[in-house]
Amino acid sequence: MARSAVKRQRSVSESLLSIVLALEAVLIFFALLTAFGLRSAEPGLAFGGGGALIVVLILAGRLVRYDWGVWLGWALQFVIIATGILLPLMYVIGAGFLALWIFCFVRGRQIDAEKAEYFRNNPPTPTEENTP
């Protein structure tokens, strides 16, 4: 007898923040290739450190459902800006991603609050609860 698993509903804030972290993982992939190509970093540092940062960014994208996961995301924003030590353009790119992170954090929380208010005032009927 197969049980159907009910999928957890992700908040808008969680979705937006995980998208930003995934985009940053792609950014770091290209940044590590650039650091290696420009010889800004030793191959071990470029591929080892960059690869580790990519893994942490991807894991953090799954953990933003928790408050401490969001704090981890905030810390990673500053780690990405700090990569400007190896590639100075990363200061600018990192600041741009920090601005995107802040926007998604604030706007995602606003949308989640509006959505909660809507469902408080308009509870779903029993037939609507079972539809996807």
Protein backbone atom coordinates (compact mmCIF):
# COMPACT_ATOMS: atom_id res chain seq x y z
CA MET A 1 0.00 0.00 0.00
CA ALA A 2 1.63 3.22 -1.16
CA ARG A 3 1.35 6.32 0.93
CA SER A 4 1.12 9.61 -0.86
CA ALA A 5 3.54 12.09 0.64
CA VAL A 6 2.20 15.56 1.21
CA LYS A 7 4.70 18.08 -0.06
CA ARG A 8 5.53 20.93 2.28
CA GLN A 9 4.41 24.31 0.97
CA ARG A 10 7.39 26.65 0.63
CA SER A 11 6.99 30.30 1.52
CA VAL A 12 7.63 32.98 -1.08
CA SER A 13 10.52 34.27 1.02
CA GLU A 14 12.11 30.82 1.15
CA SER A 15 11.74 30.39 -2.61
CA LEU A 16 13.23 33.78 -3.44
CA LEU A 17 16.18 33.42 -1.08
CA SER A 18 17.00 29.92 -2.32
CA ILE A 19 16.97 31.23 -5.92
CA VAL A 20 19.44 33.98 -4.98
CA LEU A 21 21.75 31.44 -3.34
CA ALA A 22 21.58 29.15 -6.40
CA LEU A 23 22.46 32.08 -8.67
CA GLU A 24 25.37 32.90 -6.40
CA ALA A 25 26.61 29.31 -6.67
CA VAL A 26 26.71 29.74 -10.46
CA LEU A 27 28.48 33.08 -9.99
CA ILE A 28 31.14 31.49 -7.79
CA PHE A 29 31.70 28.75 -10.39
CA PHE A 30 32.56 31.37 -13.00
CA ALA A 31 34.54 33.41 -10.48
CA LEU A 32 36.70 30.41 -9.58
CA LEU A 33 37.38 29.76 -13.27
CA THR A 34 38.31 33.42 -13.70
CA ALA A 35 40.57 33.42 -10.63
CA PHE A 36 42.33 30.32 -11.97
CA GLY A 37 42.62 31.70 -15.50
CA LEU A 38 43.97 35.06 -14.37
CA ARG A 39 46.27 33.32 -11.90
CA SER A 40 44.77 35.41 -9.10
CA ALA A 41 44.72 32.33 -6.91
CA GLU A 42 46.56 29.03 -6.73
CA PRO A 43 44.66 26.16 -8.38
CA GLY A 44 44.04 24.47 -5.03
CA LEU A 45 42.55 27.62 -3.54
CA ALA A 46 40.53 28.47 -6.64
CA PHE A 47 39.02 25.01 -7.12
CA GLY A 48 39.03 23.83 -3.51
CA GLY A 49 37.78 27.01 -1.91
CA GLY A 50 35.44 27.84 -4.77
CA GLY A 51 34.05 24.31 -4.85
CA ALA A 52 33.49 24.32 -1.09
CA LEU A 53 31.72 27.69 -1.31
CA ILE A 54 29.47 26.36 -4.09
CA VAL A 55 28.50 23.36 -1.94
CA VAL A 56 27.78 25.61 1.06
CA LEU A 57 25.66 27.95 -1.09
CA ILE A 58 23.61 25.04 -2.45
CA LEU A 59 23.11 23.58 1.03
CA ALA A 60 22.18 27.01 2.41
CA GLY A 61 19.53 27.26 -0.31
CA ARG A 62 17.86 24.20 1.21
CA LEU A 63 18.20 25.53 4.76
CA VAL A 64 16.54 28.94 4.36
CA ARG A 65 13.34 27.42 5.71
CA TYR A 66 14.91 27.81 9.17
CA ASP A 67 15.79 31.12 10.82
CA TRP A 68 19.40 30.04 11.29
CA GLY A 69 19.52 29.11 7.59
CA VAL A 70 18.54 32.66 6.68
CA TRP A 71 21.30 33.95 8.97
CA LEU A 72 23.71 31.61 7.19
CA GLY A 73 22.57 33.17 3.92
CA TRP A 74 23.30 36.64 5.30
CA ALA A 75 26.80 35.54 6.32
CA LEU A 76 27.41 34.06 2.87
CA GLN A 77 26.58 37.42 1.29
CA PHE A 78 29.57 38.92 3.07
CA VAL A 79 31.76 35.93 2.20
CA ILE A 80 30.97 36.53 -1.47
CA ILE A 81 31.83 40.22 -1.14
CA ALA A 82 35.09 39.19 0.57
CA THR A 83 36.08 37.22 -2.54
CA GLY A 84 36.92 40.64 -3.91
CA ILE A 85 40.31 40.12 -2.26
CA LEU A 86 41.12 37.72 -5.13
CA LEU A 87 39.06 39.35 -7.87
CA PRO A 88 38.37 43.05 -7.19
CA LEU A 89 35.30 43.06 -9.46
CA MET A 90 33.67 40.69 -6.96
CA TYR A 91 33.27 43.62 -4.57
CA VAL A 92 30.85 45.19 -7.05
CA ILE A 93 29.17 41.93 -8.08
CA GLY A 94 28.90 40.81 -4.45
CA ALA A 95 27.34 44.14 -3.48
CA GLY A 96 24.83 43.70 -6.31
CA PHE A 97 23.90 40.25 -5.03
CA LEU A 98 23.65 41.63 -1.49
CA ALA A 99 21.15 44.20 -2.79
CA LEU A 100 19.22 41.40 -4.52
CA TRP A 101 19.29 39.35 -1.29
CA ILE A 102 17.95 42.29 0.72
CA PHE A 103 15.19 42.95 -1.81
CA CYS A 104 14.12 39.28 -1.87
CA PHE A 105 14.28 39.07 1.93
CA VAL A 106 12.10 42.15 2.47
CA ARG A 107 9.67 41.61 -0.41
CA GLY A 108 9.33 37.88 0.29
CA ARG A 109 8.37 38.58 3.90
CA GLN A 110 5.85 41.20 2.75
CA ILE A 111 4.24 38.79 0.27
CA ASP A 112 4.10 36.02 2.89
CA ALA A 113 2.39 38.38 5.34
CA GLU A 114 -0.12 39.49 2.70
CA LYS A 115 -0.80 35.87 1.76
CA ALA A 116 -1.35 34.90 5.43
CA GLU A 117 -3.72 37.84 5.89
CA TYR A 118 -5.67 36.83 2.79
CA PHE A 119 -6.09 33.25 4.00
CA ARG A 120 -7.10 34.46 7.47
CA ASN A 121 -9.90 36.52 5.91
CA ASN A 122 -10.81 33.93 3.23
CA PRO A 123 -10.40 30.42 4.61
CA PRO A 124 -10.42 27.74 1.90
CA THR A 125 -13.50 25.55 1.55
CA PRO A 126 -13.09 21.78 2.01
CA THR A 127 -13.13 21.16 -1.77
CA GLU A 128 -10.48 23.85 -2.38
CA GLU A 129 -8.10 22.29 0.18
CA ASN A 130 -7.69 19.14 -1.94
CA THR A 131 -6.95 20.88 -5.24
CA PRO A 132 -3.35 21.53 -6.24
